Amino acid sequence: MKFVRFGDRNAEKPGLLDAAGNIRDLSGVVPDLSGAVLTDLQRLQSIDPESLPLVDGSPRLGACVAGTGKFICIGLNYSDHAEETGHAVPSEPVIFMKATSA
């Protein structure tokens, strides 16, 4: 299940991608995708994406989790990913940060 937040900056709505890659509106189920909401993943996983309203057009995608200033990321975190990018598997994790304002 892939979650997204879509819409105008600072007014994003929660959504998820269906099997065809379309955005489905989750705002009738949860107010936003925050750390508190994501602690109950079982409930979210039980939702049938086809039961949610389809979002028209190609809305702007925002940060995937609300209220987060930055993400700490691990790059090349599995061998297939390293191979896809043409890099060797690192001997130590490649750690970087991504600001939600970037």
PDB file of N, CA and C in Angstrom:
ATOM      1  N   MET A   1       0.848  -1.164   0.000  1.00  0.00           N
ATOM      2  CA  MET A   1       0.000   0.000   0.000  1.00  0.00           C
ATOM      3  C   MET A   1       0.898   1.233   0.000  1.00  0.00           C
ATOM      4  N   LYS A   2       0.641   2.142  -0.933  1.00  0.00           N
ATOM      5  CA  LYS A   2       1.442   3.360  -1.035  1.00  0.00           C
ATOM      6  C   LYS A   2       0.569   4.556  -0.685  1.00  0.00           C
ATOM      7  N   PHE A   3       1.008   5.294   0.330  1.00  0.00           N
ATOM      8  CA  PHE A   3       0.288   6.473   0.775  1.00  0.00           C
ATOM      9  C   PHE A   3       0.886   7.716   0.141  1.00  0.00           C
ATOM     10  N   VAL A   4       0.038   8.718  -0.096  1.00  0.00           N
ATOM     11  CA  VAL A   4       0.473  10.010  -0.621  1.00  0.00           C
ATOM     12  C   VAL A   4      -0.297  11.102   0.109  1.00  0.00           C
ATOM     13  N   ARG A   5       0.221  12.305  -0.008  1.00  0.00           N
ATOM     14  CA  ARG A   5      -0.513  13.496   0.404  1.00  0.00           C
ATOM     15  C   ARG A   5      -0.537  14.389  -0.819  1.00  0.00           C
ATOM     16  N   PHE A   6      -1.714  14.867  -1.195  1.00  0.00           N
ATOM     17  CA  PHE A   6      -1.867  15.594  -2.449  1.00  0.00           C
ATOM     18  C   PHE A   6      -2.634  16.892  -2.222  1.00  0.00           C
ATOM     19  N   GLY A   7      -2.445  17.834  -3.135  1.00  0.00           N
ATOM     20  CA  GLY A   7      -3.172  19.096  -3.074  1.00  0.00           C
ATOM     21  C   GLY A   7      -2.238  20.279  -2.914  1.00  0.00           C
ATOM     22  N   ASP A   8      -2.835  21.432  -2.701  1.00  0.00           N
ATOM     23  CA  ASP A   8      -2.059  22.663  -2.557  1.00  0.00           C
ATOM     24  C   ASP A   8      -1.161  22.602  -1.327  1.00  0.00           C
ATOM     25  N   ARG A   9      -0.028  23.324  -1.401  1.00  0.00           N
ATOM     26  CA  ARG A   9       0.918  23.381  -0.288  1.00  0.00           C
ATOM     27  C   ARG A   9       0.208  23.847   0.987  1.00  0.00           C
ATOM     28  N   ASN A  10       0.468  23.178   2.074  1.00  0.00           N
ATOM     29  CA  ASN A  10      -0.120  23.441   3.392  1.00  0.00           C
ATOM     30  C   ASN A  10      -1.617  23.144   3.462  1.00  0.00           C
ATOM     31  N   ALA A  11      -2.154  22.500   2.438  1.00  0.00           N
ATOM     32  CA  ALA A  11      -3.568  22.092   2.450  1.00  0.00           C
ATOM     33  C   ALA A  11      -3.700  20.687   1.857  1.00  0.00           C
ATOM     34  N   GLU A  12      -2.638  19.887   2.003  1.00  0.00           N
ATOM     35  CA  GLU A  12      -2.634  18.551   1.418  1.00  0.00           C
ATOM     36  C   GLU A  12      -3.677  17.657   2.082  1.00  0.00           C
ATOM     37  N   LYS A  13      -4.196  16.724   1.300  1.00  0.00           N
ATOM     38  CA  LYS A  13      -5.133  15.714   1.790  1.00  0.00           C
ATOM     39  C   LYS A  13      -4.436  14.359   1.768  1.00  0.00           C
ATOM     40  N   PRO A  14      -4.882  13.433   2.621  1.00  0.00           N
ATOM     41  CA  PRO A  14      -4.304  12.092   2.588  1.00  0.00           C
ATOM     42  C   PRO A  14      -4.891  11.281   1.441  1.00  0.00           C
ATOM     43  N   GLY A  15      -4.062  10.428   0.873  1.00  0.00           N
ATOM     44  CA  GLY A  15      -4.532   9.567  -0.199  1.00  0.00           C
ATOM     45  C   GLY A  15      -3.711   8.301  -0.267  1.00  0.00           C
ATOM     46  N   LEU A  16      -4.115   7.423  -1.164  1.00  0.00           N
ATOM     47  CA  LEU A  16      -3.315   6.229  -1.427  1.00  0.00           C
ATOM     48  C   LEU A  16      -3.405   5.918  -2.903  1.00  0.00           C
ATOM     49  N   LEU A  17      -2.431   5.173  -3.380  1.00  0.00           N
ATOM     50  CA  LEU A  17      -2.418   4.774  -4.783  1.00  0.00           C
ATOM     51  C   LEU A  17      -3.110   3.429  -4.914  1.00  0.00           C
ATOM     52  N   ASP A  18      -4.013   3.318  -5.913  1.00  0.00           N
ATOM     53  CA  ASP A  18      -4.652   2.032  -6.160  1.00  0.00           C
ATOM     54  C   ASP A  18      -3.756   1.186  -7.065  1.00  0.00           C
ATOM     55  N   ALA A  19      -4.201   0.005  -7.434  1.00  0.00           N
ATOM     56  CA  ALA A  19      -3.391  -0.927  -8.225  1.00  0.00           C
ATOM     57  C   ALA A  19      -3.000  -0.355  -9.580  1.00  0.00           C
ATOM     58  N   ALA A  20      -3.804   0.566 -10.111  1.00  0.00           N
ATOM     59  CA  ALA A  20      -3.515   1.178 -11.410  1.00  0.00           C
ATOM     60  C   ALA A  20      -2.667   2.437 -11.283  1.00  0.00           C
ATOM     61  N   GLY A  21      -2.298   2.813 -10.049  1.00  0.00           N
ATOM     62  CA  GLY A  21      -1.485   4.004  -9.838  1.00  0.00           C
ATOM     63  C   GLY A  21      -2.285   5.284  -9.712  1.00  0.00           C
ATOM     64  N   ASN A  22      -3.611   5.176  -9.617  1.00  0.00           N
ATOM     65  CA  ASN A  22      -4.465   6.348  -9.435  1.00  0.00           C
ATOM     66  C   ASN A  22      -4.502   6.742  -7.963  1.00  0.00           C
ATOM     67  N   ILE A  23      -4.637   8.044  -7.723  1.00  0.00           N
ATOM     68  CA  ILE A  23      -4.746   8.527  -6.348  1.00  0.00           C
ATOM     69  C   ILE A  23      -6.191   8.383  -5.893  1.00  0.00           C
ATOM     70  N   ARG A  24      -6.360   7.813  -4.703  1.00  0.00           N
ATOM     71  CA  ARG A  24      -7.671   7.688  -4.069  1.00  0.00           C
ATOM     72  C   ARG A  24      -7.667   8.556  -2.818  1.00  0.00           C
ATOM     73  N   ASP A  25      -8.745   9.297  -2.600  1.00  0.00           N
ATOM     74  CA  ASP A  25      -8.857  10.245  -1.487  1.00  0.00           C
ATOM     75  C   ASP A  25      -9.175   9.521  -0.178  1.00  0.00           C
ATOM     76  N   LEU A  26      -8.274   9.643   0.794  1.00  0.00           N
ATOM     77  CA  LEU A  26      -8.444   9.018   2.114  1.00  0.00           C
ATOM     78  C   LEU A  26      -9.013   9.980   3.154  1.00  0.00           C
ATOM     79  N   SER A  27      -9.313  11.231   2.755  1.00  0.00           N
ATOM     80  CA  SER A  27      -9.698  12.235   3.749  1.00  0.00           C
ATOM     81  C   SER A  27     -11.019  11.919   4.450  1.00  0.00           C
ATOM     82  N   GLY A  28     -11.843  11.061   3.886  1.00  0.00           N
ATOM     83  CA  GLY A  28     -13.067  10.646   4.560  1.00  0.00           C
ATOM     84  C   GLY A  28     -12.821   9.585   5.622  1.00  0.00           C
ATOM     85  N   VAL A  29     -11.598   9.049   5.655  1.00  0.00           N
ATOM     86  CA  VAL A  29     -11.248   7.981   6.593  1.00  0.00           C
ATOM     87  C   VAL A  29     -10.331   8.494   7.698  1.00  0.00           C
ATOM     88  N   VAL A  30      -9.333   9.296   7.322  1.00  0.00           N
ATOM     89  CA  VAL A  30      -8.384   9.863   8.282  1.00  0.00           C
ATOM     90  C   VAL A  30      -8.194  11.343   7.965  1.00  0.00           C
ATOM     91  N   PRO A  31      -7.939  12.175   8.991  1.00  0.00           N
ATOM     92  CA  PRO A  31      -7.773  13.605   8.742  1.00  0.00           C
ATOM     93  C   PRO A  31      -6.494  13.939   7.976  1.00  0.00           C
ATOM     94  N   ASP A  32      -5.439  13.171   8.200  1.00  0.00           N
ATOM     95  CA  ASP A  32      -4.158  13.385   7.520  1.00  0.00           C
ATOM     96  C   ASP A  32      -3.281  12.171   7.783  1.00  0.00           C
ATOM     97  N   LEU A  33      -2.171  12.071   7.091  1.00  0.00           N
ATOM     98  CA  LEU A  33      -1.219  10.982   7.313  1.00  0.00           C
ATOM     99  C   LEU A  33      -0.115  11.502   8.222  1.00  0.00           C
ATOM    100  N   SER A  34      -0.294  11.271   9.508  1.00  0.00           N
ATOM    101  CA  SER A  34       0.677  11.701  10.510  1.00  0.00           C
ATOM    102  C   SER A  34       1.206  10.470  11.226  1.00  0.00           C
ATOM    103  N   GLY A  35       2.207  10.666  12.048  1.00  0.00           N
ATOM    104  CA  GLY A  35       2.756   9.553  12.807  1.00  0.00           C
ATOM    105  C   GLY A  35       1.692   8.849  13.628  1.00  0.00           C
ATOM    106  N   ALA A  36       0.779   9.626  14.231  1.00  0.00           N
ATOM    107  CA  ALA A  36      -0.273   9.035  15.063  1.00  0.00           C
ATOM    108  C   ALA A  36      -1.199   8.144  14.237  1.00  0.00           C
ATOM    109  N   VAL A  37      -1.570   8.587  13.060  1.00  0.00           N
ATOM    110  CA  VAL A  37      -2.459   7.801  12.193  1.00  0.00           C
ATOM    111  C   VAL A  37      -1.752   6.544  11.703  1.00  0.00           C
ATOM    112  N   LEU A  38      -0.478   6.670  11.381  1.00  0.00           N
ATOM    113  CA  LEU A  38       0.256   5.534  10.816  1.00  0.00           C
ATOM    114  C   LEU A  38       0.555   4.443  11.837  1.00  0.00           C
ATOM    115  N   THR A  39       0.341   4.720  13.121  1.00  0.00           N
ATOM    116  CA  THR A  39       0.544   3.660  14.114  1.00  0.00           C
ATOM    117  C   THR A  39      -0.530   2.583  14.002  1.00  0.00           C
ATOM    118  N   ASP A  40      -1.645   2.898  13.352  1.00  0.00           N
ATOM    119  CA  ASP A  40      -2.729   1.930  13.167  1.00  0.00           C
ATOM    120  C   ASP A  40      -2.774   1.463  11.710  1.00  0.00           C
ATOM    121  N   LEU A  41      -1.658   0.946  11.228  1.00  0.00           N
ATOM    122  CA  LEU A  41      -1.577   0.509   9.833  1.00  0.00           C
ATOM    123  C   LEU A  41      -2.553  -0.616   9.506  1.00  0.00           C
ATOM    124  N   GLN A  42      -2.854  -1.471  10.471  1.00  0.00           N
ATOM    125  CA  GLN A  42      -3.787  -2.574  10.203  1.00  0.00           C
ATOM    126  C   GLN A  42      -5.131  -2.045   9.723  1.00  0.00           C
ATOM    127  N   ARG A  43      -5.606  -0.991  10.359  1.00  0.00           N
ATOM    128  CA  ARG A  43      -6.896  -0.414   9.954  1.00  0.00           C
ATOM    129  C   ARG A  43      -6.802   0.149   8.543  1.00  0.00           C
ATOM    130  N   LEU A  44      -5.716   0.837   8.245  1.00  0.00           N
ATOM    131  CA  LEU A  44      -5.550   1.408   6.910  1.00  0.00           C
ATOM    132  C   LEU A  44      -5.407   0.318   5.854  1.00  0.00           C
ATOM    133  N   GLN A  45      -4.714  -0.766   6.187  1.00  0.00           N
ATOM    134  CA  GLN A  45      -4.533  -1.854   5.227  1.00  0.00           C
ATOM    135  C   GLN A  45      -5.833  -2.584   4.926  1.00  0.00           C
ATOM    136  N   SER A  46      -6.823  -2.465   5.795  1.00  0.00           N
ATOM    137  CA  SER A  46      -8.095  -3.152   5.570  1.00  0.00           C
ATOM    138  C   SER A  46      -9.013  -2.387   4.616  1.00  0.00           C
ATOM    139  N   ILE A  47      -8.624  -1.180   4.231  1.00  0.00           N
ATOM    140  CA  ILE A  47      -9.451  -0.361   3.343  1.00  0.00           C
ATOM    141  C   ILE A  47      -9.306  -0.849   1.906  1.00  0.00           C
ATOM    142  N   ASP A  48     -10.433  -1.012   1.223  1.00  0.00           N
ATOM    143  CA  ASP A  48     -10.424  -1.355  -0.198  1.00  0.00           C
ATOM    144  C   ASP A  48     -10.244  -0.055  -0.983  1.00  0.00           C
ATOM    145  N   PRO A  49      -9.118   0.124  -1.680  1.00  0.00           N
ATOM    146  CA  PRO A  49      -8.893   1.372  -2.418  1.00  0.00           C
ATOM    147  C   PRO A  49     -10.026   1.718  -3.386  1.00  0.00           C
ATOM    148  N   GLU A  50     -10.657   0.699  -3.968  1.00  0.00           N
ATOM    149  CA  GLU A  50     -11.741   0.945  -4.926  1.00  0.00           C
ATOM    150  C   GLU A  50     -12.958   1.593  -4.262  1.00  0.00           C
ATOM    151  N   SER A  51     -13.039   1.514  -2.926  1.00  0.00           N
ATOM    152  CA  SER A  51     -14.168   2.118  -2.210  1.00  0.00           C
ATOM    153  C   SER A  51     -13.958   3.615  -1.971  1.00  0.00           C
ATOM    154  N   LEU A  52     -12.771   4.111  -2.254  1.00  0.00           N
ATOM    155  CA  LEU A  52     -12.443   5.517  -2.009  1.00  0.00           C
ATOM    156  C   LEU A  52     -12.653   6.345  -3.271  1.00  0.00           C
ATOM    157  N   PRO A  53     -12.984   7.637  -3.114  1.00  0.00           N
ATOM    158  CA  PRO A  53     -13.159   8.495  -4.287  1.00  0.00           C
ATOM    159  C   PRO A  53     -11.862   8.617  -5.088  1.00  0.00           C
ATOM    160  N   LEU A  54     -11.996   8.585  -6.399  1.00  0.00           N
ATOM    161  CA  LEU A  54     -10.870   8.762  -7.309  1.00  0.00           C
ATOM    162  C   LEU A  54     -10.554  10.250  -7.406  1.00  0.00           C
ATOM    163  N   VAL A  55      -9.283  10.613  -7.333  1.00  0.00           N
ATOM    164  CA  VAL A  55      -8.856  12.009  -7.448  1.00  0.00           C
ATOM    165  C   VAL A  55      -8.602  12.301  -8.923  1.00  0.00           C
ATOM    166  N   ASP A  56      -9.255  13.333  -9.439  1.00  0.00           N
ATOM    167  CA  ASP A  56      -9.109  13.701 -10.852  1.00  0.00           C
ATOM    168  C   ASP A  56      -7.822  14.474 -11.095  1.00  0.00           C
ATOM    169  N   GLY A  57      -7.338  14.397 -12.313  1.00  0.00           N
ATOM    170  CA  GLY A  57      -6.186  15.180 -12.730  1.00  0.00           C
ATOM    171  C   GLY A  57      -4.877  14.670 -12.173  1.00  0.00           C
ATOM    172  N   SER A  58      -3.920  15.576 -12.125  1.00  0.00           N
ATOM    173  CA  SER A  58      -2.578  15.266 -11.616  1.00  0.00           C
ATOM    174  C   SER A  58      -2.222  16.269 -10.528  1.00  0.00           C
ATOM    175  N   PRO A  59      -2.779  16.104  -9.341  1.00  0.00           N
ATOM    176  CA  PRO A  59      -2.523  17.081  -8.283  1.00  0.00           C
ATOM    177  C   PRO A  59      -1.070  17.054  -7.811  1.00  0.00           C
ATOM    178  N   ARG A  60      -0.657  18.162  -7.226  1.00  0.00           N
ATOM    179  CA  ARG A  60       0.675  18.255  -6.626  1.00  0.00           C
ATOM    180  C   ARG A  60       0.781  17.243  -5.492  1.00  0.00           C
ATOM    181  N   LEU A  61       1.936  16.577  -5.388  1.00  0.00           N
ATOM    182  CA  LEU A  61       2.196  15.660  -4.277  1.00  0.00           C
ATOM    183  C   LEU A  61       3.045  16.374  -3.242  1.00  0.00           C
ATOM    184  N   GLY A  62       2.652  16.268  -1.988  1.00  0.00           N
ATOM    185  CA  GLY A  62       3.390  16.885  -0.895  1.00  0.00           C
ATOM    186  C   GLY A  62       4.211  15.858  -0.145  1.00  0.00           C
ATOM    187  N   ALA A  63       4.733  16.269   0.993  1.00  0.00           N
ATOM    188  CA  ALA A  63       5.469  15.338   1.855  1.00  0.00           C
ATOM    189  C   ALA A  63       4.541  14.191   2.224  1.00  0.00           C
ATOM    190  N   CYS A  64       5.069  12.985   2.260  1.00  0.00           N
ATOM    191  CA  CYS A  64       4.211  11.803   2.453  1.00  0.00           C
ATOM    192  C   CYS A  64       3.667  11.670   3.871  1.00  0.00           C
ATOM    193  N   VAL A  65       4.274  12.340   4.844  1.00  0.00           N
ATOM    194  CA  VAL A  65       3.801  12.298   6.230  1.00  0.00           C
ATOM    195  C   VAL A  65       3.702  13.733   6.740  1.00  0.00           C
ATOM    196  N   ALA A  66       2.572  14.076   7.348  1.00  0.00           N
ATOM    197  CA  ALA A  66       2.356  15.431   7.854  1.00  0.00           C
ATOM    198  C   ALA A  66       3.195  15.698   9.095  1.00  0.00           C
ATOM    199  N   GLY A  67       3.568  16.961   9.281  1.00  0.00           N
ATOM    200  CA  GLY A  67       4.254  17.371  10.500  1.00  0.00           C
ATOM    201  C   GLY A  67       5.680  16.888  10.618  1.00  0.00           C
ATOM    202  N   THR A  68       6.302  16.593   9.496  1.00  0.00           N
ATOM    203  CA  THR A  68       7.676  16.100   9.500  1.00  0.00           C
ATOM    204  C   THR A  68       8.568  17.145   8.846  1.00  0.00           C
ATOM    205  N   GLY A  69       9.610  17.565   9.531  1.00  0.00           N
ATOM    206  CA  GLY A  69      10.519  18.566   8.989  1.00  0.00           C
ATOM    207  C   GLY A  69      11.559  17.985   8.060  1.00  0.00           C
ATOM    208  N   LYS A  70      11.977  16.765   8.350  1.00  0.00           N
ATOM    209  CA  LYS A  70      12.990  16.132   7.501  1.00  0.00           C
ATOM    210  C   LYS A  70      12.891  14.618   7.635  1.00  0.00           C
ATOM    211  N   PHE A  71      13.368  13.949   6.614  1.00  0.00           N
ATOM    212  CA  PHE A  71      13.432  12.492   6.609  1.00  0.00           C
ATOM    213  C   PHE A  71      14.892  12.083   6.642  1.00  0.00           C
ATOM    214  N   ILE A  72      15.209  11.093   7.447  1.00  0.00           N
ATOM    215  CA  ILE A  72      16.544  10.507   7.441  1.00  0.00           C
ATOM    216  C   ILE A  72      16.444   9.260   6.581  1.00  0.00           C
ATOM    217  N   CYS A  73      17.276   9.189   5.558  1.00  0.00           N
ATOM    218  CA  CYS A  73      17.168   8.142   4.540  1.00  0.00           C
ATOM    219  C   CYS A  73      18.417   7.268   4.504  1.00  0.00           C
ATOM    220  N   ILE A  74      18.231   6.047   4.091  1.00  0.00           N
ATOM    221  CA  ILE A  74      19.333   5.114   3.878  1.00  0.00           C
ATOM    222  C   ILE A  74      19.361   4.803   2.388  1.00  0.00           C
ATOM    223  N   GLY A  75      20.422   5.214   1.724  1.00  0.00           N
ATOM    224  CA  GLY A  75      20.549   4.984   0.294  1.00  0.00           C
ATOM    225  C   GLY A  75      21.177   3.641  -0.020  1.00  0.00           C
ATOM    226  N   LEU A  76      20.861   3.123  -1.196  1.00  0.00           N
ATOM    227  CA  LEU A  76      21.393   1.831  -1.647  1.00  0.00           C
ATOM    228  C   LEU A  76      21.205   0.785  -0.552  1.00  0.00           C
ATOM    229  N   ASN A  77      20.004   0.758   0.028  1.00  0.00           N
ATOM    230  CA  ASN A  77      19.755  -0.071   1.206  1.00  0.00           C
ATOM    231  C   ASN A  77      19.487  -1.541   0.898  1.00  0.00           C
ATOM    232  N   TYR A  78      19.538  -1.936  -0.345  1.00  0.00           N
ATOM    233  CA  TYR A  78      19.482  -3.357  -0.678  1.00  0.00           C
ATOM    234  C   TYR A  78      20.231  -3.569  -1.990  1.00  0.00           C
ATOM    235  N   SER A  79      20.726  -4.756  -2.199  1.00  0.00           N
ATOM    236  CA  SER A  79      21.640  -5.008  -3.317  1.00  0.00           C
ATOM    237  C   SER A  79      21.002  -4.724  -4.671  1.00  0.00           C
ATOM    238  N   ASP A  80      19.714  -5.039  -4.847  1.00  0.00           N
ATOM    239  CA  ASP A  80      19.059  -4.763  -6.132  1.00  0.00           C
ATOM    240  C   ASP A  80      19.048  -3.267  -6.434  1.00  0.00           C
ATOM    241  N   HIS A  81      18.853  -2.449  -5.405  1.00  0.00           N
ATOM    242  CA  HIS A  81      18.835  -1.000  -5.604  1.00  0.00           C
ATOM    243  C   HIS A  81      20.209  -0.512  -6.058  1.00  0.00           C
ATOM    244  N   ALA A  82      21.255  -1.015  -5.424  1.00  0.00           N
ATOM    245  CA  ALA A  82      22.614  -0.645  -5.828  1.00  0.00           C
ATOM    246  C   ALA A  82      22.853  -1.051  -7.280  1.00  0.00           C
ATOM    247  N   GLU A  83      22.434  -2.253  -7.631  1.00  0.00           N
ATOM    248  CA  GLU A  83      22.627  -2.746  -9.000  1.00  0.00           C
ATOM    249  C   GLU A  83      21.858  -1.892 -10.008  1.00  0.00           C
ATOM    250  N   GLU A  84      20.612  -1.526  -9.675  1.00  0.00           N
ATOM    251  CA  GLU A  84      19.788  -0.694 -10.557  1.00  0.00           C
ATOM    252  C   GLU A  84      20.451   0.643 -10.849  1.00  0.00           C
ATOM    253  N   THR A  85      21.161   1.188  -9.869  1.00  0.00           N
ATOM    254  CA  THR A  85      21.785   2.501 -10.037  1.00  0.00           C
ATOM    255  C   THR A  85      23.215   2.420 -10.555  1.00  0.00           C
ATOM    256  N   GLY A  86      23.706   1.193 -10.745  1.00  0.00           N
ATOM    257  CA  GLY A  86      25.064   1.029 -11.253  1.00  0.00           C
ATOM    258  C   GLY A  86      26.139   1.242 -10.208  1.00  0.00           C
ATOM    259  N   HIS A  87      25.780   1.151  -8.933  1.00  0.00           N
ATOM    260  CA  HIS A  87      26.738   1.329  -7.842  1.00  0.00           C
ATOM    261  C   HIS A  87      27.039  -0.005  -7.169  1.00  0.00           C
ATOM    262  N   ALA A  88      28.190  -0.070  -6.538  1.00  0.00           N
ATOM    263  CA  ALA A  88      28.530  -1.240  -5.729  1.00  0.00           C
ATOM    264  C   ALA A  88      27.753  -1.166  -4.417  1.00  0.00           C
ATOM    265  N   VAL A  89      27.486  -2.314  -3.824  1.00  0.00           N
ATOM    266  CA  VAL A  89      26.833  -2.334  -2.513  1.00  0.00           C
ATOM    267  C   VAL A  89      27.822  -1.747  -1.507  1.00  0.00           C
ATOM    268  N   PRO A  90      27.432  -0.679  -0.785  1.00  0.00           N
ATOM    269  CA  PRO A  90      28.370  -0.043   0.143  1.00  0.00           C
ATOM    270  C   PRO A  90      28.675  -0.936   1.348  1.00  0.00           C
ATOM    271  N   SER A  91      29.885  -0.800   1.872  1.00  0.00           N
ATOM    272  CA  SER A  91      30.263  -1.576   3.059  1.00  0.00           C
ATOM    273  C   SER A  91      29.612  -1.007   4.319  1.00  0.00           C
ATOM    274  N   GLU A  92      29.228   0.270   4.271  1.00  0.00           N
ATOM    275  CA  GLU A  92      28.529   0.925   5.374  1.00  0.00           C
ATOM    276  C   GLU A  92      27.323   1.654   4.797  1.00  0.00           C
ATOM    277  N   PRO A  93      26.293   1.880   5.596  1.00  0.00           N
ATOM    278  CA  PRO A  93      25.097   2.545   5.079  1.00  0.00           C
ATOM    279  C   PRO A  93      25.401   3.942   4.542  1.00  0.00           C
ATOM    280  N   VAL A  94      24.721   4.301   3.466  1.00  0.00           N
ATOM    281  CA  VAL A  94      24.774   5.653   2.924  1.00  0.00           C
ATOM    282  C   VAL A  94      23.590   6.387   3.547  1.00  0.00           C
ATOM    283  N   ILE A  95      23.871   7.341   4.422  1.00  0.00           N
ATOM    284  CA  ILE A  95      22.819   8.044   5.153  1.00  0.00           C
ATOM    285  C   ILE A  95      22.756   9.484   4.663  1.00  0.00           C
ATOM    286  N   PHE A  96      21.524   9.941   4.383  1.00  0.00           N
ATOM    287  CA  PHE A  96      21.347  11.333   3.974  1.00  0.00           C
ATOM    288  C   PHE A  96      19.996  11.820   4.484  1.00  0.00           C
ATOM    289  N   MET A  97      19.817  13.142   4.484  1.00  0.00           N
ATOM    290  CA  MET A  97      18.560  13.728   4.939  1.00  0.00           C
ATOM    291  C   MET A  97      17.880  14.413   3.770  1.00  0.00           C
ATOM    292  N   LYS A  98      16.565  14.448   3.838  1.00  0.00           N
ATOM    293  CA  LYS A  98      15.763  15.118   2.822  1.00  0.00           C
ATOM    294  C   LYS A  98      14.773  16.014   3.558  1.00  0.00           C
ATOM    295  N   ALA A  99      14.895  17.312   3.343  1.00  0.00           N
ATOM    296  CA  ALA A  99      13.969  18.251   3.977  1.00  0.00           C
ATOM    297  C   ALA A  99      12.654  18.261   3.218  1.00  0.00           C
ATOM    298  N   THR A 100      11.536  18.391   3.926  1.00  0.00           N
ATOM    299  CA  THR A 100      10.243  18.424   3.250  1.00  0.00           C
ATOM    300  C   THR A 100      10.059  19.714   2.457  1.00  0.00           C
ATOM    301  N   SER A 101      10.895  20.704   2.710  1.00  0.00           N
ATOM    302  CA  SER A 101      10.816  21.963   1.973  1.00  0.00           C
ATOM    303  C   SER A 101      11.600  21.918   0.673  1.00  0.00           C
ATOM    304  N   ALA A 102      12.342  20.835   0.432  1.00  0.00           N
ATOM    305  CA  ALA A 102      13.175  20.739  -0.783  1.00  0.00           C
ATOM    306  C   ALA A 102      12.339  20.455  -2.005  1.00  0.00           C
TER     307      ALA A 102
END
